[in-house]
N, C-alpha and C. Protein backbone atom coordinates (compact mmCIF):
# COMPACT_ATOMS: atom_id res chain seq x y z
N UNK A 1 99.37 128.85 68.00
CA UNK A 1 99.62 127.45 67.70
C UNK A 1 98.26 126.75 67.54
N UNK A 2 98.21 125.86 66.57
CA UNK A 2 96.97 125.12 66.36
C UNK A 2 96.80 124.04 67.43
N UNK A 3 95.56 123.68 67.66
CA UNK A 3 95.22 122.66 68.65
C UNK A 3 95.83 121.33 68.25
N UNK A 4 96.48 120.66 69.20
CA UNK A 4 97.09 119.35 68.97
C UNK A 4 96.35 118.29 69.76
N UNK A 5 96.39 117.08 69.26
CA UNK A 5 95.83 115.93 69.96
C UNK A 5 97.02 115.17 70.56
N UNK A 6 97.06 115.11 71.88
CA UNK A 6 98.22 114.59 72.60
C UNK A 6 97.83 113.36 73.40
N UNK A 7 98.65 112.33 73.31
CA UNK A 7 98.46 111.10 74.08
C UNK A 7 99.39 111.12 75.28
N UNK A 8 98.85 110.79 76.46
CA UNK A 8 99.67 110.62 77.67
C UNK A 8 99.49 109.18 78.12
N UNK A 9 100.61 108.45 78.19
CA UNK A 9 100.58 107.07 78.67
C UNK A 9 101.05 107.08 80.11
N UNK A 10 100.20 106.61 81.00
CA UNK A 10 100.50 106.64 82.43
C UNK A 10 100.03 105.34 83.08
N UNK A 11 100.21 105.22 84.37
CA UNK A 11 99.79 104.02 85.08
C UNK A 11 99.82 104.23 86.58
N UNK A 12 99.43 103.21 87.31
CA UNK A 12 99.40 103.32 88.76
C UNK A 12 100.77 103.69 89.31
N UNK A 13 100.74 104.61 90.23
CA UNK A 13 101.90 105.18 90.92
C UNK A 13 102.82 105.95 89.98
N UNK A 14 102.16 106.55 88.98
CA UNK A 14 102.81 107.60 88.21
C UNK A 14 103.12 108.75 89.17
N UNK A 15 104.09 109.56 88.87
CA UNK A 15 104.40 110.69 89.75
C UNK A 15 103.30 111.73 89.59
N UNK A 16 102.73 112.13 90.71
CA UNK A 16 101.57 113.02 90.75
C UNK A 16 101.78 114.30 89.93
N UNK A 17 102.79 115.09 90.25
CA UNK A 17 103.02 116.35 89.57
C UNK A 17 103.35 116.14 88.09
N UNK A 18 104.10 115.08 87.79
CA UNK A 18 104.54 114.83 86.41
C UNK A 18 103.40 114.36 85.52
N UNK A 19 102.28 114.02 86.14
CA UNK A 19 101.09 113.62 85.39
C UNK A 19 100.09 114.77 85.36
N UNK A 20 99.71 115.25 86.53
CA UNK A 20 98.66 116.26 86.61
C UNK A 20 99.07 117.61 86.03
N UNK A 21 100.27 118.06 86.28
CA UNK A 21 100.67 119.39 85.81
C UNK A 21 100.71 119.46 84.28
N UNK A 22 101.41 118.56 83.58
CA UNK A 22 101.38 118.67 82.12
C UNK A 22 99.99 118.42 81.53
N UNK A 23 99.23 117.49 82.12
CA UNK A 23 97.88 117.22 81.64
C UNK A 23 97.05 118.50 81.69
N UNK A 24 97.03 119.16 82.85
CA UNK A 24 96.23 120.36 83.02
C UNK A 24 96.78 121.54 82.22
N UNK A 25 98.10 121.68 82.17
CA UNK A 25 98.71 122.80 81.43
C UNK A 25 98.41 122.69 79.94
N UNK A 26 98.53 121.51 79.39
CA UNK A 26 98.28 121.33 77.96
C UNK A 26 96.79 121.53 77.63
N UNK A 27 95.92 121.08 78.53
CA UNK A 27 94.49 121.36 78.34
C UNK A 27 94.23 122.87 78.39
N UNK A 28 94.86 123.55 79.33
CA UNK A 28 94.66 124.99 79.49
C UNK A 28 95.10 125.75 78.24
N UNK A 29 96.06 125.20 77.52
CA UNK A 29 96.53 125.84 76.28
C UNK A 29 95.64 125.49 75.09
N UNK A 30 94.60 124.70 75.34
CA UNK A 30 93.65 124.39 74.28
C UNK A 30 93.88 123.08 73.55
N UNK A 31 94.85 122.30 74.01
CA UNK A 31 95.12 121.01 73.36
C UNK A 31 94.14 119.95 73.86
N UNK A 32 93.97 118.92 73.07
CA UNK A 32 93.14 117.77 73.43
C UNK A 32 94.09 116.70 73.95
N UNK A 33 94.03 116.39 75.24
CA UNK A 33 94.96 115.43 75.86
C UNK A 33 94.17 114.21 76.30
N UNK A 34 94.60 113.05 75.85
CA UNK A 34 94.00 111.79 76.27
C UNK A 34 94.98 111.05 77.16
N UNK A 35 94.59 110.83 78.40
CA UNK A 35 95.40 110.08 79.37
C UNK A 35 94.88 108.65 79.40
N UNK A 36 95.79 107.70 79.16
CA UNK A 36 95.42 106.29 79.08
C UNK A 36 96.36 105.44 79.93
N UNK A 37 95.87 104.24 80.26
CA UNK A 37 96.66 103.26 81.00
C UNK A 37 96.26 101.87 80.51
N UNK A 38 97.22 101.02 80.17
CA UNK A 38 96.87 99.65 79.76
C UNK A 38 96.04 98.96 80.85
N UNK A 39 95.02 98.25 80.41
CA UNK A 39 94.17 97.51 81.34
C UNK A 39 93.11 98.33 82.03
N UNK A 40 93.04 99.63 81.70
CA UNK A 40 92.03 100.50 82.31
C UNK A 40 91.29 101.24 81.21
N UNK A 41 90.11 101.74 81.55
CA UNK A 41 89.30 102.45 80.57
C UNK A 41 89.00 103.87 81.04
N UNK A 42 88.47 104.67 80.13
CA UNK A 42 88.08 106.04 80.46
C UNK A 42 87.17 106.03 81.69
N UNK A 43 87.44 106.91 82.63
CA UNK A 43 86.68 106.99 83.87
C UNK A 43 87.33 106.26 85.02
N UNK A 44 88.20 105.28 84.72
CA UNK A 44 88.98 104.62 85.78
C UNK A 44 90.03 105.59 86.29
N UNK A 45 90.60 105.28 87.43
CA UNK A 45 91.67 106.11 87.97
C UNK A 45 92.96 105.32 88.09
N UNK A 46 94.06 106.08 88.13
CA UNK A 46 95.35 105.51 88.51
C UNK A 46 95.77 106.21 89.80
N UNK A 47 96.39 105.47 90.68
CA UNK A 47 96.94 106.05 91.90
C UNK A 47 98.22 106.78 91.54
N UNK A 48 98.43 107.91 92.18
CA UNK A 48 99.69 108.63 91.94
C UNK A 48 100.55 108.60 93.20
N UNK A 49 101.81 108.87 93.01
CA UNK A 49 102.73 109.01 94.14
C UNK A 49 103.42 110.36 94.02
N UNK A 50 103.78 110.91 95.15
CA UNK A 50 104.48 112.19 95.19
C UNK A 50 105.93 111.91 95.56
N UNK A 51 106.80 112.26 94.65
CA UNK A 51 108.23 112.13 94.91
C UNK A 51 108.75 113.49 95.34
N UNK A 52 109.37 113.52 96.51
CA UNK A 52 109.83 114.79 97.05
C UNK A 52 111.33 114.71 97.31
N UNK A 53 111.96 115.84 97.25
CA UNK A 53 113.41 115.95 97.45
C UNK A 53 113.64 116.63 98.78
N UNK A 54 113.95 115.81 99.80
CA UNK A 54 114.02 116.31 101.17
C UNK A 54 115.40 116.18 101.79
N UNK A 55 116.42 116.04 100.95
CA UNK A 55 117.78 115.98 101.45
C UNK A 55 118.32 114.58 101.67
N UNK A 56 117.54 113.57 101.37
CA UNK A 56 118.03 112.19 101.49
C UNK A 56 118.80 111.82 100.23
N UNK A 57 119.34 110.61 100.21
CA UNK A 57 120.13 110.18 99.06
C UNK A 57 119.29 110.00 97.80
N UNK A 58 118.01 109.82 97.96
CA UNK A 58 117.09 109.75 96.83
C UNK A 58 115.78 110.42 97.25
N UNK A 59 114.83 110.48 96.37
CA UNK A 59 113.55 111.10 96.68
C UNK A 59 112.78 110.26 97.69
N UNK A 60 111.90 110.91 98.43
CA UNK A 60 110.95 110.18 99.28
C UNK A 60 109.69 109.96 98.45
N UNK A 61 108.89 108.99 98.86
CA UNK A 61 107.67 108.68 98.10
C UNK A 61 106.48 108.64 99.04
N UNK A 62 105.44 109.38 98.67
CA UNK A 62 104.21 109.43 99.45
C UNK A 62 103.03 109.20 98.51
N UNK A 63 101.93 108.74 99.05
CA UNK A 63 100.72 108.53 98.25
C UNK A 63 100.20 109.88 97.79
N UNK A 64 99.84 109.96 96.53
CA UNK A 64 99.31 111.19 95.96
C UNK A 64 97.81 111.12 95.79
N UNK A 65 97.33 111.61 94.67
CA UNK A 65 95.90 111.68 94.35
C UNK A 65 95.50 110.50 93.48
N UNK A 66 94.21 110.40 93.22
CA UNK A 66 93.72 109.52 92.17
C UNK A 66 93.57 110.39 90.92
N UNK A 67 94.11 109.94 89.82
CA UNK A 67 94.06 110.67 88.56
C UNK A 67 93.11 109.93 87.63
N UNK A 68 92.10 110.62 87.14
CA UNK A 68 91.08 110.00 86.29
C UNK A 68 91.51 109.98 84.83
N UNK A 69 91.48 108.79 84.25
CA UNK A 69 91.80 108.62 82.83
C UNK A 69 90.61 109.09 82.00
N UNK A 70 90.89 109.66 80.85
CA UNK A 70 89.80 110.16 80.01
C UNK A 70 89.72 109.47 78.65
N UNK A 71 90.47 108.40 78.48
CA UNK A 71 90.41 107.60 77.25
C UNK A 71 90.79 106.17 77.62
N UNK A 72 90.51 105.25 76.72
CA UNK A 72 90.76 103.82 76.96
C UNK A 72 91.94 103.36 76.10
N UNK A 73 92.98 102.86 76.74
CA UNK A 73 94.20 102.48 76.04
C UNK A 73 93.92 101.51 74.89
N UNK A 74 93.10 100.50 75.13
CA UNK A 74 92.86 99.47 74.10
C UNK A 74 92.10 100.02 72.89
N UNK A 75 91.55 101.22 73.00
CA UNK A 75 90.77 101.80 71.91
C UNK A 75 91.50 102.91 71.15
N UNK A 76 92.68 103.30 71.62
CA UNK A 76 93.38 104.41 70.95
C UNK A 76 94.22 103.87 69.79
N UNK A 77 94.47 104.75 68.83
CA UNK A 77 95.38 104.48 67.73
C UNK A 77 96.43 105.58 67.75
N UNK A 78 97.69 105.25 68.02
CA UNK A 78 98.72 106.29 68.09
C UNK A 78 98.78 107.18 66.84
N UNK A 79 98.39 106.64 65.70
CA UNK A 79 98.40 107.42 64.46
C UNK A 79 97.44 108.61 64.51
N UNK A 80 96.46 108.57 65.41
CA UNK A 80 95.49 109.65 65.55
C UNK A 80 96.03 110.83 66.37
N UNK A 81 97.21 110.70 66.92
CA UNK A 81 97.76 111.71 67.84
C UNK A 81 98.94 112.44 67.22
N UNK A 82 99.08 113.71 67.63
CA UNK A 82 100.16 114.56 67.15
C UNK A 82 101.41 114.49 68.00
N UNK A 83 101.26 114.07 69.27
CA UNK A 83 102.40 114.08 70.19
C UNK A 83 102.14 113.11 71.35
N UNK A 84 103.20 112.82 72.09
CA UNK A 84 103.15 111.88 73.21
C UNK A 84 103.80 112.50 74.43
N UNK A 85 103.19 112.26 75.60
CA UNK A 85 103.77 112.65 76.89
C UNK A 85 103.92 111.38 77.73
N UNK A 86 105.11 111.21 78.32
CA UNK A 86 105.39 110.05 79.17
C UNK A 86 105.85 110.55 80.54
N UNK A 87 104.95 110.55 81.54
CA UNK A 87 105.34 110.97 82.89
C UNK A 87 106.23 109.92 83.56
N UNK A 88 106.83 110.34 84.66
CA UNK A 88 107.68 109.43 85.42
C UNK A 88 106.94 108.78 86.57
N UNK A 89 107.67 108.55 87.64
CA UNK A 89 107.12 107.84 88.78
C UNK A 89 107.45 106.37 88.70
N UNK A 90 106.65 105.56 89.38
CA UNK A 90 106.89 104.11 89.40
C UNK A 90 106.29 103.40 88.19
N UNK A 91 105.28 103.99 87.57
CA UNK A 91 104.58 103.35 86.46
C UNK A 91 105.50 102.90 85.33
N UNK A 92 106.50 103.69 84.92
CA UNK A 92 107.34 103.23 83.81
C UNK A 92 108.04 101.89 84.05
N UNK A 93 108.26 101.54 85.32
CA UNK A 93 108.91 100.26 85.63
C UNK A 93 108.16 99.09 85.01
N UNK A 94 106.83 99.12 85.10
CA UNK A 94 106.05 98.00 84.56
C UNK A 94 105.45 98.30 83.20
N UNK A 95 105.19 99.58 82.89
CA UNK A 95 104.64 99.89 81.58
C UNK A 95 105.61 99.51 80.46
N UNK A 96 106.90 99.58 80.74
CA UNK A 96 107.90 99.24 79.72
C UNK A 96 107.88 97.76 79.36
N UNK A 97 107.16 96.96 80.13
CA UNK A 97 107.04 95.52 79.85
C UNK A 97 105.84 95.22 78.96
N UNK A 98 105.01 96.21 78.68
CA UNK A 98 103.80 96.04 77.89
C UNK A 98 104.12 96.26 76.40
N UNK A 99 103.96 95.24 75.59
CA UNK A 99 104.33 95.34 74.17
C UNK A 99 103.50 96.39 73.43
N UNK A 100 102.26 96.59 73.83
CA UNK A 100 101.44 97.62 73.17
C UNK A 100 101.93 99.02 73.51
N UNK A 101 102.40 99.23 74.73
CA UNK A 101 102.99 100.52 75.11
C UNK A 101 104.24 100.77 74.27
N UNK A 102 105.09 99.77 74.17
CA UNK A 102 106.33 99.90 73.40
C UNK A 102 106.01 100.20 71.94
N UNK A 103 105.03 99.50 71.37
CA UNK A 103 104.64 99.75 69.97
C UNK A 103 104.13 101.18 69.79
N UNK A 104 103.34 101.66 70.75
CA UNK A 104 102.82 103.03 70.66
C UNK A 104 103.96 104.04 70.70
N UNK A 105 104.89 103.86 71.62
CA UNK A 105 106.03 104.78 71.74
C UNK A 105 106.85 104.76 70.45
N UNK A 106 107.10 103.59 69.93
CA UNK A 106 107.87 103.50 68.68
C UNK A 106 107.18 104.26 67.55
N UNK A 107 105.86 104.19 67.50
CA UNK A 107 105.13 104.90 66.45
C UNK A 107 105.50 106.39 66.44
N UNK A 108 105.52 107.03 67.60
CA UNK A 108 105.78 108.46 67.66
C UNK A 108 107.18 108.81 67.15
N UNK A 109 108.13 107.96 67.43
CA UNK A 109 109.50 108.20 66.95
C UNK A 109 109.62 107.91 65.46
N UNK A 110 109.02 106.82 65.01
CA UNK A 110 109.07 106.48 63.59
C UNK A 110 108.36 107.52 62.73
N UNK A 111 107.31 108.12 63.26
CA UNK A 111 106.55 109.15 62.54
C UNK A 111 107.12 110.55 62.78
N UNK A 112 108.20 110.65 63.54
CA UNK A 112 108.86 111.92 63.85
C UNK A 112 107.90 112.94 64.47
N UNK A 113 107.14 112.48 65.47
CA UNK A 113 106.21 113.34 66.19
C UNK A 113 106.85 113.78 67.51
N UNK A 114 106.43 114.90 68.06
CA UNK A 114 106.97 115.37 69.34
C UNK A 114 106.68 114.38 70.48
N UNK A 115 107.70 114.21 71.33
CA UNK A 115 107.60 113.35 72.51
C UNK A 115 108.21 114.10 73.69
N UNK A 116 107.50 114.11 74.81
CA UNK A 116 108.01 114.68 76.05
C UNK A 116 108.03 113.58 77.10
N UNK A 117 109.19 113.35 77.70
CA UNK A 117 109.31 112.36 78.77
C UNK A 117 110.05 113.02 79.93
N UNK A 118 109.64 112.66 81.13
CA UNK A 118 110.25 113.25 82.33
C UNK A 118 110.57 112.16 83.33
N UNK A 119 111.66 112.36 84.05
CA UNK A 119 112.06 111.50 85.16
C UNK A 119 112.23 110.05 84.72
N UNK A 120 111.48 109.12 85.33
CA UNK A 120 111.59 107.70 85.01
C UNK A 120 110.89 107.33 83.70
N UNK A 121 110.26 108.31 83.04
CA UNK A 121 109.67 108.06 81.72
C UNK A 121 110.71 107.56 80.74
N UNK A 122 111.98 107.91 80.97
CA UNK A 122 113.06 107.45 80.10
C UNK A 122 113.19 105.92 80.10
N UNK A 123 112.71 105.27 81.15
CA UNK A 123 112.75 103.81 81.19
C UNK A 123 111.93 103.22 80.04
N UNK A 124 110.81 103.84 79.73
CA UNK A 124 109.98 103.36 78.62
C UNK A 124 110.68 103.63 77.29
N UNK A 125 111.28 104.81 77.15
CA UNK A 125 112.00 105.13 75.92
C UNK A 125 113.17 104.17 75.70
N UNK A 126 113.88 103.86 76.77
CA UNK A 126 115.01 102.93 76.67
C UNK A 126 114.52 101.54 76.26
N UNK A 127 113.44 101.07 76.86
CA UNK A 127 112.90 99.75 76.53
C UNK A 127 112.40 99.70 75.09
N UNK A 128 111.92 100.83 74.58
CA UNK A 128 111.43 100.89 73.21
C UNK A 128 112.58 101.01 72.20
N UNK A 129 113.79 101.22 72.70
CA UNK A 129 114.98 101.33 71.85
C UNK A 129 114.86 102.49 70.86
N UNK A 130 114.40 103.64 71.36
CA UNK A 130 114.20 104.80 70.48
C UNK A 130 115.15 105.96 70.79
N UNK A 131 116.09 105.76 71.72
CA UNK A 131 116.94 106.89 72.11
C UNK A 131 118.40 106.73 71.68
N UNK A 132 118.69 105.73 70.91
CA UNK A 132 120.08 105.55 70.46
C UNK A 132 120.56 106.80 69.73
N UNK A 133 121.70 107.33 70.18
CA UNK A 133 122.29 108.51 69.56
C UNK A 133 121.65 109.82 69.97
N UNK A 134 120.63 109.78 70.80
CA UNK A 134 119.94 111.00 71.23
C UNK A 134 120.43 111.45 72.60
N UNK A 135 120.32 112.76 72.85
CA UNK A 135 120.63 113.31 74.16
C UNK A 135 119.35 113.30 74.98
N UNK A 136 119.42 112.64 76.15
CA UNK A 136 118.24 112.40 76.97
C UNK A 136 118.55 112.71 78.43
N UNK A 137 117.67 113.46 79.06
CA UNK A 137 117.74 113.65 80.50
C UNK A 137 116.72 112.74 81.16
N UNK A 138 116.95 112.44 82.40
CA UNK A 138 116.06 111.57 83.19
C UNK A 138 116.48 111.71 84.64
N UNK A 139 115.70 111.10 85.52
CA UNK A 139 116.14 111.06 86.91
C UNK A 139 117.51 110.37 86.93
N UNK A 140 118.47 110.86 87.71
CA UNK A 140 119.83 110.32 87.65
C UNK A 140 119.94 108.80 87.79
N UNK A 141 119.03 108.16 88.54
CA UNK A 141 119.07 106.71 88.70
C UNK A 141 118.77 105.98 87.39
N UNK A 142 118.23 106.69 86.41
CA UNK A 142 117.93 106.09 85.10
C UNK A 142 119.08 106.25 84.10
N UNK A 143 120.15 106.91 84.53
CA UNK A 143 121.29 107.12 83.63
C UNK A 143 121.80 105.82 83.01
N UNK A 144 121.98 104.75 83.79
CA UNK A 144 122.48 103.51 83.17
C UNK A 144 121.55 102.99 82.07
N UNK A 145 120.25 103.10 82.26
CA UNK A 145 119.32 102.62 81.24
C UNK A 145 119.41 103.46 79.98
N UNK A 146 119.52 104.78 80.13
CA UNK A 146 119.67 105.66 78.97
C UNK A 146 120.93 105.28 78.21
N UNK A 147 122.02 105.12 78.93
CA UNK A 147 123.30 104.82 78.27
C UNK A 147 123.31 103.41 77.67
N UNK A 148 122.73 102.43 78.36
CA UNK A 148 122.68 101.06 77.81
C UNK A 148 121.81 101.00 76.56
N UNK A 149 120.86 101.92 76.42
CA UNK A 149 120.01 101.97 75.22
C UNK A 149 120.67 102.81 74.12
N UNK A 150 121.90 103.27 74.36
CA UNK A 150 122.63 104.01 73.34
C UNK A 150 122.40 105.50 73.35
N UNK A 151 121.71 106.00 74.37
CA UNK A 151 121.48 107.44 74.48
C UNK A 151 122.65 108.13 75.15
N UNK A 152 122.72 109.43 74.95
CA UNK A 152 123.72 110.26 75.63
C UNK A 152 123.00 110.92 76.80
N UNK A 153 123.37 110.54 78.02
CA UNK A 153 122.70 111.06 79.21
C UNK A 153 123.07 112.52 79.43
N UNK A 154 122.07 113.38 79.53
CA UNK A 154 122.28 114.80 79.81
C UNK A 154 122.23 115.00 81.32
N UNK A 155 123.37 115.21 81.91
CA UNK A 155 123.47 115.43 83.35
C UNK A 155 123.26 116.91 83.62
N UNK A 156 121.99 117.31 83.71
CA UNK A 156 121.64 118.72 83.84
C UNK A 156 121.02 118.98 85.22
N UNK A 157 120.83 120.23 85.52
CA UNK A 157 120.21 120.62 86.79
C UNK A 157 118.80 120.05 86.87
N UNK A 158 118.33 119.79 88.09
CA UNK A 158 117.02 119.19 88.34
C UNK A 158 115.88 120.04 87.77
N UNK A 159 116.14 121.33 87.55
CA UNK A 159 115.11 122.20 87.00
C UNK A 159 115.33 122.53 85.53
N UNK A 160 116.22 121.77 84.88
CA UNK A 160 116.50 121.98 83.47
C UNK A 160 115.80 120.96 82.58
N UNK A 161 115.88 121.18 81.29
CA UNK A 161 115.32 120.25 80.30
C UNK A 161 116.22 120.30 79.07
N UNK A 162 116.11 119.28 78.24
CA UNK A 162 116.92 119.22 77.03
C UNK A 162 116.04 118.80 75.86
N UNK A 163 116.26 119.43 74.73
CA UNK A 163 115.54 119.08 73.51
C UNK A 163 116.52 118.52 72.50
N UNK A 164 116.19 117.37 71.95
CA UNK A 164 116.97 116.74 70.88
C UNK A 164 116.00 116.43 69.75
N UNK A 165 116.00 117.27 68.74
CA UNK A 165 115.01 117.11 67.67
C UNK A 165 113.63 117.39 68.22
N UNK A 166 112.74 116.39 68.14
CA UNK A 166 111.38 116.55 68.66
C UNK A 166 111.19 115.85 70.00
N UNK A 167 112.29 115.44 70.62
CA UNK A 167 112.26 114.79 71.93
C UNK A 167 112.66 115.80 73.01
N UNK A 168 111.79 115.97 74.01
CA UNK A 168 112.06 116.87 75.12
C UNK A 168 112.05 116.05 76.40
N UNK A 169 113.15 116.11 77.16
CA UNK A 169 113.26 115.32 78.39
C UNK A 169 113.76 116.20 79.53
N UNK A 170 113.46 115.72 80.75
CA UNK A 170 113.87 116.45 81.94
C UNK A 170 114.05 115.46 83.09
N UNK A 171 114.82 115.86 84.13
CA UNK A 171 115.10 114.94 85.23
C UNK A 171 113.97 114.71 86.22
N UNK A 172 113.11 115.68 86.46
CA UNK A 172 112.06 115.53 87.48
C UNK A 172 111.14 116.75 87.45
N UNK A 173 110.06 116.71 88.24
CA UNK A 173 109.05 117.76 88.23
C UNK A 173 109.54 119.17 88.50
N UNK A 174 110.64 119.41 89.23
CA UNK A 174 111.08 120.80 89.35
C UNK A 174 111.43 121.44 87.99
N UNK A 175 111.56 120.62 86.96
CA UNK A 175 111.88 121.11 85.61
C UNK A 175 110.65 121.51 84.81
N UNK A 176 109.45 121.43 85.39
CA UNK A 176 108.24 121.71 84.61
C UNK A 176 108.31 122.99 83.78
N UNK A 177 108.73 124.13 84.32
CA UNK A 177 108.76 125.33 83.47
C UNK A 177 109.63 125.16 82.22
N UNK A 178 110.81 124.63 82.37
CA UNK A 178 111.70 124.43 81.22
C UNK A 178 111.19 123.32 80.31
N UNK A 179 110.77 122.21 80.89
CA UNK A 179 110.31 121.04 80.12
C UNK A 179 109.07 121.38 79.31
N UNK A 180 108.08 121.97 79.96
CA UNK A 180 106.84 122.30 79.25
C UNK A 180 107.05 123.38 78.21
N UNK A 181 107.85 124.39 78.51
CA UNK A 181 108.06 125.46 77.52
C UNK A 181 108.81 124.91 76.30
N UNK A 182 109.76 124.01 76.51
CA UNK A 182 110.46 123.42 75.36
C UNK A 182 109.53 122.50 74.57
N UNK A 183 108.68 121.74 75.26
CA UNK A 183 107.74 120.85 74.57
C UNK A 183 106.74 121.69 73.77
N UNK A 184 106.23 122.75 74.35
CA UNK A 184 105.29 123.62 73.65
C UNK A 184 105.92 124.22 72.40
N UNK A 185 107.20 124.58 72.51
CA UNK A 185 107.91 125.11 71.33
C UNK A 185 108.03 124.05 70.23
N UNK A 186 108.29 122.81 70.61
CA UNK A 186 108.38 121.73 69.62
C UNK A 186 107.01 121.45 69.01
N UNK A 187 105.95 121.53 69.82
CA UNK A 187 104.59 121.33 69.30
C UNK A 187 104.23 122.38 68.26
N UNK A 188 104.76 123.60 68.40
CA UNK A 188 104.40 124.71 67.53
C UNK A 188 105.05 124.60 66.15
N UNK A 189 106.05 123.77 66.02
CA UNK A 189 106.78 123.67 64.74
C UNK A 189 105.98 122.92 63.71
């Protein structure tokens, strides 16, 4: 597969594994990955949170690592990128309110480029109104947002992923093997 230029939009209290694992895995495969956050520049960090599944009614949340951004959101042009990654965690709650984030996400769908979103990343896709008629997985608490945005919620196992065209989604970090392998396959097309 040829080297791809991939944009990752993230923010404070992004889910640790859902940010660091795909970032590092895609770099290890030889891709150029730019991690950005509105209001921050290359070299700044975002705080991460670790969402764990410990038998409670929902995930627990603990402070994770600091993740260093390697590009500046205000300086990127989505047209320069081949694909988009949208991690989950708490960040999508507020990133979906940023009009520049929404415009960037819309670009990838309008240009029919590969997009990978995991967990609460679907909140950004729903706010961008890009999932109507598409099959989308997400953390189960995001099901109403997927459905209200006209998407078909894929109620799959926590370690599964679903591909609809060039969109690859999954419910949470235990799905990394399936989610990343499906995204890599879409990137290769």
